[in-house]
């Protein structure tokens, strides 16, 4: 058990963190599942569904939709700025010897 926490986990830490970050981004940007589940309750809409609601069949509020999309990107950009070194480490193979 000590091998697992002293050797294996430090080696896998960047990869685990990268997978966690990519899953968080995927969940944050998910559209179809919340659309199917939350379509009838506007109070529970996620940001992508809220932005989609600005598009109508015959008209659209593109300025408002683009502004809302930029505001929705802010948390993920901040998240990336904080963890960009860990993301890069998770994708790269480094020589530790």
PDB file of N, CA and C in Angstrom:
ATOM      1  N   UNK A   1       0.824  -1.196   0.000  1.00  0.00           N
ATOM      2  CA  UNK A   1       0.000   0.000   0.000  1.00  0.00           C
ATOM      3  C   UNK A   1       0.865   1.255   0.000  1.00  0.00           C
ATOM      4  N   UNK A   2       1.997   1.216   0.705  1.00  0.00           N
ATOM      5  CA  UNK A   2       2.860   2.394   0.737  1.00  0.00           C
ATOM      6  C   UNK A   2       3.482   2.651  -0.633  1.00  0.00           C
ATOM      7  N   UNK A   3       3.739   1.575  -1.412  1.00  0.00           N
ATOM      8  CA  UNK A   3       4.238   1.734  -2.772  1.00  0.00           C
ATOM      9  C   UNK A   3       3.263   2.551  -3.613  1.00  0.00           C
ATOM     10  N   UNK A   4       2.002   2.263  -3.436  1.00  0.00           N
ATOM     11  CA  UNK A   4       0.964   2.945  -4.210  1.00  0.00           C
ATOM     12  C   UNK A   4       0.980   4.447  -3.945  1.00  0.00           C
ATOM     13  N   UNK A   5       1.053   4.850  -2.683  1.00  0.00           N
ATOM     14  CA  UNK A   5       0.991   6.275  -2.351  1.00  0.00           C
ATOM     15  C   UNK A   5       2.329   6.983  -2.472  1.00  0.00           C
ATOM     16  N   UNK A   6       3.443   6.272  -2.351  1.00  0.00           N
ATOM     17  CA  UNK A   6       4.758   6.917  -2.407  1.00  0.00           C
ATOM     18  C   UNK A   6       5.381   6.912  -3.798  1.00  0.00           C
ATOM     19  N   UNK A   7       5.030   5.940  -4.621  1.00  0.00           N
ATOM     20  CA  UNK A   7       5.644   5.834  -5.945  1.00  0.00           C
ATOM     21  C   UNK A   7       4.624   6.053  -7.060  1.00  0.00           C
ATOM     22  N   UNK A   8       3.563   5.292  -7.041  1.00  0.00           N
ATOM     23  CA  UNK A   8       2.612   5.293  -8.147  1.00  0.00           C
ATOM     24  C   UNK A   8       1.801   6.588  -8.244  1.00  0.00           C
ATOM     25  N   UNK A   9       1.272   7.058  -7.134  1.00  0.00           N
ATOM     26  CA  UNK A   9       0.436   8.270  -7.156  1.00  0.00           C
ATOM     27  C   UNK A   9       1.197   9.529  -7.583  1.00  0.00           C
ATOM     28  N   UNK A  10       2.431   9.765  -7.098  1.00  0.00           N
ATOM     29  CA  UNK A  10       3.138  10.950  -7.598  1.00  0.00           C
ATOM     30  C   UNK A  10       3.411  10.907  -9.099  1.00  0.00           C
ATOM     31  N   UNK A  11       3.632   9.720  -9.648  1.00  0.00           N
ATOM     32  CA  UNK A  11       3.859   9.601 -11.088  1.00  0.00           C
ATOM     33  C   UNK A  11       2.567   9.863 -11.857  1.00  0.00           C
ATOM     34  N   UNK A  12       1.448   9.386 -11.347  1.00  0.00           N
ATOM     35  CA  UNK A  12       0.166   9.511 -12.035  1.00  0.00           C
ATOM     36  C   UNK A  12      -0.575  10.807 -11.722  1.00  0.00           C
ATOM     37  N   UNK A  13      -0.091  11.599 -10.804  1.00  0.00           N
ATOM     38  CA  UNK A  13      -0.803  12.807 -10.381  1.00  0.00           C
ATOM     39  C   UNK A  13      -1.118  13.762 -11.545  1.00  0.00           C
ATOM     40  N   UNK A  14      -0.164  14.101 -12.434  1.00  0.00           N
ATOM     41  CA  UNK A  14      -0.508  14.992 -13.552  1.00  0.00           C
ATOM     42  C   UNK A  14      -1.562  14.408 -14.489  1.00  0.00           C
ATOM     43  N   UNK A  15      -1.490  13.100 -14.721  1.00  0.00           N
ATOM     44  CA  UNK A  15      -2.467  12.469 -15.607  1.00  0.00           C
ATOM     45  C   UNK A  15      -3.853  12.462 -14.983  1.00  0.00           C
ATOM     46  N   UNK A  16      -3.939  12.142 -13.710  1.00  0.00           N
ATOM     47  CA  UNK A  16      -5.228  12.143 -13.022  1.00  0.00           C
ATOM     48  C   UNK A  16      -5.819  13.543 -12.996  1.00  0.00           C
ATOM     49  N   UNK A  17      -4.985  14.532 -12.735  1.00  0.00           N
ATOM     50  CA  UNK A  17      -5.461  15.915 -12.718  1.00  0.00           C
ATOM     51  C   UNK A  17      -5.924  16.360 -14.104  1.00  0.00           C
ATOM     52  N   UNK A  18      -5.206  15.967 -15.148  1.00  0.00           N
ATOM     53  CA  UNK A  18      -5.604  16.325 -16.511  1.00  0.00           C
ATOM     54  C   UNK A  18      -6.950  15.702 -16.875  1.00  0.00           C
ATOM     55  N   UNK A  19      -7.152  14.455 -16.542  1.00  0.00           N
ATOM     56  CA  UNK A  19      -8.436  13.791 -16.820  1.00  0.00           C
ATOM     57  C   UNK A  19      -9.559  14.472 -16.039  1.00  0.00           C
ATOM     58  N   UNK A  20      -9.281  14.851 -14.807  1.00  0.00           N
ATOM     59  CA  UNK A  20     -10.280  15.551 -13.996  1.00  0.00           C
ATOM     60  C   UNK A  20     -10.641  16.894 -14.616  1.00  0.00           C
ATOM     61  N   UNK A  21      -9.651  17.625 -15.076  1.00  0.00           N
ATOM     62  CA  UNK A  21      -9.896  18.933 -15.691  1.00  0.00           C
ATOM     63  C   UNK A  21     -10.680  18.776 -16.988  1.00  0.00           C
ATOM     64  N   UNK A  22     -10.309  17.812 -17.826  1.00  0.00           N
ATOM     65  CA  UNK A  22     -11.034  17.599 -19.082  1.00  0.00           C
ATOM     66  C   UNK A  22     -12.473  17.164 -18.833  1.00  0.00           C
ATOM     67  N   UNK A  23     -12.712  16.353 -17.814  1.00  0.00           N
ATOM     68  CA  UNK A  23     -14.088  15.964 -17.463  1.00  0.00           C
ATOM     69  C   UNK A  23     -14.882  17.160 -16.954  1.00  0.00           C
ATOM     70  N   UNK A  24     -14.228  18.050 -16.208  1.00  0.00           N
ATOM     71  CA  UNK A  24     -14.912  19.257 -15.723  1.00  0.00           C
ATOM     72  C   UNK A  24     -15.305  20.156 -16.891  1.00  0.00           C
ATOM     73  N   UNK A  25     -14.403  20.316 -17.854  1.00  0.00           N
ATOM     74  CA  UNK A  25     -14.717  21.134 -19.033  1.00  0.00           C
ATOM     75  C   UNK A  25     -15.845  20.490 -19.836  1.00  0.00           C
ATOM     76  N   UNK A  26     -15.796  19.181 -20.008  1.00  0.00           N
ATOM     77  CA  UNK A  26     -16.831  18.469 -20.752  1.00  0.00           C
ATOM     78  C   UNK A  26     -18.192  18.648 -20.077  1.00  0.00           C
ATOM     79  N   UNK A  27     -18.226  18.514 -18.762  1.00  0.00           N
ATOM     80  CA  UNK A  27     -19.473  18.664 -18.021  1.00  0.00           C
ATOM     81  C   UNK A  27     -19.982  20.097 -18.071  1.00  0.00           C
ATOM     82  N   UNK A  28     -19.068  21.063 -17.962  1.00  0.00           N
ATOM     83  CA  UNK A  28     -19.453  22.470 -18.002  1.00  0.00           C
ATOM     84  C   UNK A  28     -20.099  22.822 -19.347  1.00  0.00           C
ATOM     85  N   UNK A  29     -19.587  22.253 -20.418  1.00  0.00           N
ATOM     86  CA  UNK A  29     -20.077  22.583 -21.758  1.00  0.00           C
ATOM     87  C   UNK A  29     -21.147  21.627 -22.270  1.00  0.00           C
ATOM     88  N   UNK A  30     -21.586  20.678 -21.460  1.00  0.00           N
ATOM     89  CA  UNK A  30     -22.573  19.708 -21.901  1.00  0.00           C
ATOM     90  C   UNK A  30     -23.871  20.407 -22.292  1.00  0.00           C
ATOM     91  N   UNK A  31     -24.457  19.956 -23.390  1.00  0.00           N
ATOM     92  CA  UNK A  31     -25.664  20.612 -23.897  1.00  0.00           C
ATOM     93  C   UNK A  31     -26.849  19.655 -24.001  1.00  0.00           C
ATOM     94  N   UNK A  32     -26.657  18.512 -24.650  1.00  0.00           N
ATOM     95  CA  UNK A  32     -27.798  17.667 -24.994  1.00  0.00           C
ATOM     96  C   UNK A  32     -28.457  16.997 -23.788  1.00  0.00           C
ATOM     97  N   UNK A  33     -27.672  16.476 -22.859  1.00  0.00           N
ATOM     98  CA  UNK A  33     -28.284  15.813 -21.699  1.00  0.00           C
ATOM     99  C   UNK A  33     -29.075  16.801 -20.840  1.00  0.00           C
ATOM    100  N   UNK A  34     -28.523  17.958 -20.482  1.00  0.00           N
ATOM    101  CA  UNK A  34     -29.353  18.912 -19.739  1.00  0.00           C
ATOM    102  C   UNK A  34     -30.555  19.406 -20.544  1.00  0.00           C
ATOM    103  N   UNK A  35     -30.411  19.493 -21.859  1.00  0.00           N
ATOM    104  CA  UNK A  35     -31.549  19.909 -22.681  1.00  0.00           C
ATOM    105  C   UNK A  35     -32.686  18.899 -22.588  1.00  0.00           C
ATOM    106  N   UNK A  36     -32.350  17.618 -22.603  1.00  0.00           N
ATOM    107  CA  UNK A  36     -33.382  16.586 -22.517  1.00  0.00           C
ATOM    108  C   UNK A  36     -34.008  16.534 -21.120  1.00  0.00           C
ATOM    109  N   UNK A  37     -33.198  16.724 -20.097  1.00  0.00           N
ATOM    110  CA  UNK A  37     -33.691  16.560 -18.736  1.00  0.00           C
ATOM    111  C   UNK A  37     -34.360  17.823 -18.205  1.00  0.00           C
ATOM    112  N   UNK A  38     -33.779  18.993 -18.481  1.00  0.00           N
ATOM    113  CA  UNK A  38     -34.225  20.236 -17.855  1.00  0.00           C
ATOM    114  C   UNK A  38     -35.035  21.145 -18.768  1.00  0.00           C
ATOM    115  N   UNK A  39     -35.450  20.669 -19.911  1.00  0.00           N
ATOM    116  CA  UNK A  39     -36.123  21.523 -20.887  1.00  0.00           C
ATOM    117  C   UNK A  39     -37.405  22.133 -20.347  1.00  0.00           C
ATOM    118  N   UNK A  40     -38.121  21.441 -19.496  1.00  0.00           N
ATOM    119  CA  UNK A  40     -39.414  21.942 -19.029  1.00  0.00           C
ATOM    120  C   UNK A  40     -39.300  22.904 -17.852  1.00  0.00           C
ATOM    121  N   UNK A  41     -38.125  23.015 -17.236  1.00  0.00           N
ATOM    122  CA  UNK A  41     -37.962  23.856 -16.063  1.00  0.00           C
ATOM    123  C   UNK A  41     -36.894  24.928 -16.320  1.00  0.00           C
ATOM    124  N   UNK A  42     -37.293  26.126 -16.758  1.00  0.00           N
ATOM    125  CA  UNK A  42     -36.310  27.168 -17.058  1.00  0.00           C
ATOM    126  C   UNK A  42     -35.487  27.626 -15.859  1.00  0.00           C
ATOM    127  N   UNK A  43     -35.977  27.409 -14.648  1.00  0.00           N
ATOM    128  CA  UNK A  43     -35.210  27.807 -13.470  1.00  0.00           C
ATOM    129  C   UNK A  43     -33.972  26.925 -13.265  1.00  0.00           C
ATOM    130  N   UNK A  44     -33.944  25.748 -13.837  1.00  0.00           N
ATOM    131  CA  UNK A  44     -32.832  24.822 -13.656  1.00  0.00           C
ATOM    132  C   UNK A  44     -31.932  24.726 -14.889  1.00  0.00           C
ATOM    133  N   UNK A  45     -32.112  25.579 -15.879  1.00  0.00           N
ATOM    134  CA  UNK A  45     -31.317  25.517 -17.097  1.00  0.00           C
ATOM    135  C   UNK A  45     -29.846  25.765 -16.820  1.00  0.00           C
ATOM    136  N   UNK A  46     -28.984  25.094 -17.557  1.00  0.00           N
ATOM    137  CA  UNK A  46     -27.554  25.351 -17.500  1.00  0.00           C
ATOM    138  C   UNK A  46     -27.225  26.497 -18.466  1.00  0.00           C
ATOM    139  N   UNK A  47     -25.991  26.994 -18.397  1.00  0.00           N
ATOM    140  CA  UNK A  47     -25.619  28.127 -19.254  1.00  0.00           C
ATOM    141  C   UNK A  47     -25.741  27.844 -20.745  1.00  0.00           C
ATOM    142  N   UNK A  48     -25.297  26.696 -21.267  1.00  0.00           N
ATOM    143  CA  UNK A  48     -25.481  26.453 -22.700  1.00  0.00           C
ATOM    144  C   UNK A  48     -26.952  26.449 -23.142  1.00  0.00           C
ATOM    145  N   UNK A  49     -27.839  25.917 -22.295  1.00  0.00           N
ATOM    146  CA  UNK A  49     -29.263  25.927 -22.653  1.00  0.00           C
ATOM    147  C   UNK A  49     -29.812  27.344 -22.586  1.00  0.00           C
ATOM    148  N   UNK A  50     -29.377  28.104 -21.616  1.00  0.00           N
ATOM    149  CA  UNK A  50     -29.796  29.497 -21.502  1.00  0.00           C
ATOM    150  C   UNK A  50     -29.362  30.299 -22.728  1.00  0.00           C
ATOM    151  N   UNK A  51     -28.139  30.079 -23.183  1.00  0.00           N
ATOM    152  CA  UNK A  51     -27.652  30.768 -24.387  1.00  0.00           C
ATOM    153  C   UNK A  51     -28.444  30.317 -25.614  1.00  0.00           C
ATOM    154  N   UNK A  52     -28.746  29.024 -25.693  1.00  0.00           N
ATOM    155  CA  UNK A  52     -29.545  28.496 -26.802  1.00  0.00           C
ATOM    156  C   UNK A  52     -30.939  29.109 -26.832  1.00  0.00           C
ATOM    157  N   UNK A  53     -31.451  29.500 -25.671  1.00  0.00           N
ATOM    158  CA  UNK A  53     -32.799  30.067 -25.627  1.00  0.00           C
ATOM    159  C   UNK A  53     -32.876  31.429 -26.317  1.00  0.00           C
ATOM    160  N   UNK A  54     -31.744  32.060 -26.572  1.00  0.00           N
ATOM    161  CA  UNK A  54     -31.754  33.333 -27.298  1.00  0.00           C
ATOM    162  C   UNK A  54     -32.011  33.152 -28.785  1.00  0.00           C
ATOM    163  N   UNK A  55     -31.875  31.941 -29.293  1.00  0.00           N
ATOM    164  CA  UNK A  55     -32.110  31.670 -30.705  1.00  0.00           C
ATOM    165  C   UNK A  55     -33.546  31.206 -30.902  1.00  0.00           C
ATOM    166  N   UNK A  56     -34.254  31.890 -31.772  1.00  0.00           N
ATOM    167  CA  UNK A  56     -35.638  31.558 -32.058  1.00  0.00           C
ATOM    168  C   UNK A  56     -35.718  31.050 -33.485  1.00  0.00           C
ATOM    169  N   UNK A  57     -36.884  30.550 -33.852  1.00  0.00           N
ATOM    170  CA  UNK A  57     -37.031  30.009 -35.193  1.00  0.00           C
ATOM    171  C   UNK A  57     -36.942  31.096 -36.255  1.00  0.00           C
ATOM    172  N   UNK A  58     -37.482  32.271 -35.977  1.00  0.00           N
ATOM    173  CA  UNK A  58     -37.531  33.329 -36.979  1.00  0.00           C
ATOM    174  C   UNK A  58     -36.621  34.516 -36.665  1.00  0.00           C
ATOM    175  N   UNK A  59     -36.119  34.595 -35.474  1.00  0.00           N
ATOM    176  CA  UNK A  59     -35.227  35.695 -35.115  1.00  0.00           C
ATOM    177  C   UNK A  59     -34.229  35.216 -34.067  1.00  0.00           C
ATOM    178  N   UNK A  60     -33.204  36.016 -33.890  1.00  0.00           N
ATOM    179  CA  UNK A  60     -32.215  35.663 -32.867  1.00  0.00           C
ATOM    180  C   UNK A  60     -31.615  36.935 -32.294  1.00  0.00           C
ATOM    181  N   UNK A  61     -31.239  36.852 -31.054  1.00  0.00           N
ATOM    182  CA  UNK A  61     -30.549  37.955 -30.392  1.00  0.00           C
ATOM    183  C   UNK A  61     -29.074  37.584 -30.328  1.00  0.00           C
ATOM    184  N   UNK A  62     -28.390  37.748 -31.444  1.00  0.00           N
ATOM    185  CA  UNK A  62     -27.012  37.279 -31.526  1.00  0.00           C
ATOM    186  C   UNK A  62     -26.077  38.043 -30.607  1.00  0.00           C
ATOM    187  N   UNK A  63     -26.291  39.331 -30.456  1.00  0.00           N
ATOM    188  CA  UNK A  63     -25.433  40.113 -29.580  1.00  0.00           C
ATOM    189  C   UNK A  63     -25.516  39.641 -28.140  1.00  0.00           C
ATOM    190  N   UNK A  64     -26.720  39.404 -27.678  1.00  0.00           N
ATOM    191  CA  UNK A  64     -26.925  38.910 -26.314  1.00  0.00           C
ATOM    192  C   UNK A  64     -26.379  37.491 -26.174  1.00  0.00           C
ATOM    193  N   UNK A  65     -26.591  36.666 -27.197  1.00  0.00           N
ATOM    194  CA  UNK A  65     -26.108  35.285 -27.145  1.00  0.00           C
ATOM    195  C   UNK A  65     -24.584  35.240 -27.105  1.00  0.00           C
ATOM    196  N   UNK A  66     -23.905  36.055 -27.905  1.00  0.00           N
ATOM    197  CA  UNK A  66     -22.442  36.068 -27.889  1.00  0.00           C
ATOM    198  C   UNK A  66     -21.908  36.627 -26.584  1.00  0.00           C
ATOM    199  N   UNK A  67     -22.561  37.624 -26.029  1.00  0.00           N
ATOM    200  CA  UNK A  67     -22.151  38.159 -24.735  1.00  0.00           C
ATOM    201  C   UNK A  67     -22.308  37.104 -23.649  1.00  0.00           C
ATOM    202  N   UNK A  68     -23.422  36.397 -23.655  1.00  0.00           N
ATOM    203  CA  UNK A  68     -23.643  35.338 -22.668  1.00  0.00           C
ATOM    204  C   UNK A  68     -22.628  34.210 -22.845  1.00  0.00           C
ATOM    205  N   UNK A  69     -22.257  33.895 -24.088  1.00  0.00           N
ATOM    206  CA  UNK A  69     -21.259  32.851 -24.335  1.00  0.00           C
ATOM    207  C   UNK A  69     -19.901  33.259 -23.789  1.00  0.00           C
ATOM    208  N   UNK A  70     -19.547  34.524 -23.943  1.00  0.00           N
ATOM    209  CA  UNK A  70     -18.266  34.987 -23.399  1.00  0.00           C
ATOM    210  C   UNK A  70     -18.275  34.970 -21.875  1.00  0.00           C
ATOM    211  N   UNK A  71     -19.375  35.345 -21.277  1.00  0.00           N
ATOM    212  CA  UNK A  71     -19.482  35.299 -19.818  1.00  0.00           C
ATOM    213  C   UNK A  71     -19.425  33.845 -19.335  1.00  0.00           C
ATOM    214  N   UNK A  72     -20.005  32.930 -20.093  1.00  0.00           N
ATOM    215  CA  UNK A  72     -19.991  31.517 -19.716  1.00  0.00           C
ATOM    216  C   UNK A  72     -18.595  30.915 -19.829  1.00  0.00           C
ATOM    217  N   UNK A  73     -17.742  31.494 -20.673  1.00  0.00           N
ATOM    218  CA  UNK A  73     -16.382  30.985 -20.830  1.00  0.00           C
ATOM    219  C   UNK A  73     -15.443  31.423 -19.714  1.00  0.00           C
ATOM    220  N   UNK A  74     -15.783  32.474 -18.994  1.00  0.00           N
ATOM    221  CA  UNK A  74     -14.877  33.032 -17.981  1.00  0.00           C
ATOM    222  C   UNK A  74     -14.451  32.003 -16.925  1.00  0.00           C
ATOM    223  N   UNK A  75     -15.353  31.219 -16.321  1.00  0.00           N
ATOM    224  CA  UNK A  75     -14.888  30.251 -15.312  1.00  0.00           C
ATOM    225  C   UNK A  75     -13.915  29.213 -15.869  1.00  0.00           C
ATOM    226  N   UNK A  76     -14.138  28.739 -17.087  1.00  0.00           N
ATOM    227  CA  UNK A  76     -13.236  27.754 -17.665  1.00  0.00           C
ATOM    228  C   UNK A  76     -11.882  28.372 -18.034  1.00  0.00           C
ATOM    229  N   UNK A  77     -11.863  29.610 -18.456  1.00  0.00           N
ATOM    230  CA  UNK A  77     -10.598  30.284 -18.752  1.00  0.00           C
ATOM    231  C   UNK A  77      -9.797  30.482 -17.470  1.00  0.00           C
ATOM    232  N   UNK A  78     -10.459  30.900 -16.412  1.00  0.00           N
ATOM    233  CA  UNK A  78      -9.782  31.053 -15.118  1.00  0.00           C
ATOM    234  C   UNK A  78      -9.284  29.694 -14.631  1.00  0.00           C
ATOM    235  N   UNK A  79     -10.095  28.672 -14.779  1.00  0.00           N
ATOM    236  CA  UNK A  79      -9.720  27.312 -14.409  1.00  0.00           C
ATOM    237  C   UNK A  79      -8.471  26.876 -15.172  1.00  0.00           C
ATOM    238  N   UNK A  80      -8.417  27.171 -16.471  1.00  0.00           N
ATOM    239  CA  UNK A  80      -7.256  26.818 -17.284  1.00  0.00           C
ATOM    240  C   UNK A  80      -6.026  27.612 -16.863  1.00  0.00           C
ATOM    241  N   UNK A  81      -6.185  28.889 -16.591  1.00  0.00           N
ATOM    242  CA  UNK A  81      -5.044  29.710 -16.182  1.00  0.00           C
ATOM    243  C   UNK A  81      -4.437  29.167 -14.894  1.00  0.00           C
ATOM    244  N   UNK A  82      -5.259  28.731 -13.985  1.00  0.00           N
ATOM    245  CA  UNK A  82      -4.758  28.195 -12.716  1.00  0.00           C
ATOM    246  C   UNK A  82      -4.032  26.865 -12.924  1.00  0.00           C
ATOM    247  N   UNK A  83      -4.573  25.993 -13.766  1.00  0.00           N
ATOM    248  CA  UNK A  83      -4.051  24.631 -13.892  1.00  0.00           C
ATOM    249  C   UNK A  83      -3.316  24.343 -15.194  1.00  0.00           C
ATOM    250  N   UNK A  84      -2.894  25.349 -15.963  1.00  0.00           N
ATOM    251  CA  UNK A  84      -2.296  25.069 -17.271  1.00  0.00           C
ATOM    252  C   UNK A  84      -0.989  24.286 -17.179  1.00  0.00           C
ATOM    253  N   UNK A  85      -0.216  24.474 -16.139  1.00  0.00           N
ATOM    254  CA  UNK A  85       1.027  23.696 -16.000  1.00  0.00           C
ATOM    255  C   UNK A  85       0.722  22.226 -15.752  1.00  0.00           C
ATOM    256  N   UNK A  86      -0.271  21.953 -14.939  1.00  0.00           N
ATOM    257  CA  UNK A  86      -0.645  20.561 -14.658  1.00  0.00           C
ATOM    258  C   UNK A  86      -1.231  19.890 -15.897  1.00  0.00           C
ATOM    259  N   UNK A  87      -1.988  20.638 -16.686  1.00  0.00           N
ATOM    260  CA  UNK A  87      -2.542  20.084 -17.924  1.00  0.00           C
ATOM    261  C   UNK A  87      -1.414  19.712 -18.870  1.00  0.00           C
ATOM    262  N   UNK A  88      -0.428  20.585 -19.018  1.00  0.00           N
ATOM    263  CA  UNK A  88       0.706  20.322 -19.891  1.00  0.00           C
ATOM    264  C   UNK A  88       1.511  19.125 -19.390  1.00  0.00           C
ATOM    265  N   UNK A  89       1.705  19.022 -18.089  1.00  0.00           N
ATOM    266  CA  UNK A  89       2.425  17.879 -17.532  1.00  0.00           C
ATOM    267  C   UNK A  89       1.667  16.576 -17.777  1.00  0.00           C
ATOM    268  N   UNK A  90       0.357  16.624 -17.741  1.00  0.00           N
ATOM    269  CA  UNK A  90      -0.437  15.422 -17.954  1.00  0.00           C
ATOM    270  C   UNK A  90      -0.383  14.926 -19.379  1.00  0.00           C
ATOM    271  N   UNK A  91      -0.142  15.815 -20.332  1.00  0.00           N
ATOM    272  CA  UNK A  91      -0.073  15.422 -21.733  1.00  0.00           C
ATOM    273  C   UNK A  91       1.345  15.078 -22.175  1.00  0.00           C
ATOM    274  N   UNK A  92       2.334  15.492 -21.424  1.00  0.00           N
ATOM    275  CA  UNK A  92       3.715  15.277 -21.851  1.00  0.00           C
ATOM    276  C   UNK A  92       4.333  14.089 -21.129  1.00  0.00           C
ATOM    277  N   UNK A  93       5.319  13.502 -21.795  1.00  0.00           N
ATOM    278  CA  UNK A  93       6.094  12.427 -21.200  1.00  0.00           C
ATOM    279  C   UNK A  93       7.422  13.065 -20.801  1.00  0.00           C
ATOM    280  N   UNK A  94       7.728  12.964 -19.536  1.00  0.00           N
ATOM    281  CA  UNK A  94       8.961  13.597 -19.076  1.00  0.00           C
ATOM    282  C   UNK A  94       9.930  12.531 -18.569  1.00  0.00           C
ATOM    283  N   UNK A  95      11.189  12.841 -18.711  1.00  0.00           N
ATOM    284  CA  UNK A  95      12.230  11.940 -18.257  1.00  0.00           C
ATOM    285  C   UNK A  95      12.569  12.298 -16.821  1.00  0.00           C
ATOM    286  N   UNK A  96      12.251  11.402 -15.886  1.00  0.00           N
ATOM    287  CA  UNK A  96      12.506  11.681 -14.474  1.00  0.00           C
ATOM    288  C   UNK A  96      13.833  11.113 -14.007  1.00  0.00           C
ATOM    289  N   UNK A  97      14.565  10.409 -14.862  1.00  0.00           N
ATOM    290  CA  UNK A  97      15.800   9.759 -14.450  1.00  0.00           C
ATOM    291  C   UNK A  97      16.957  10.506 -14.902  1.00  0.00           C
TER     292      UNK A  97
END
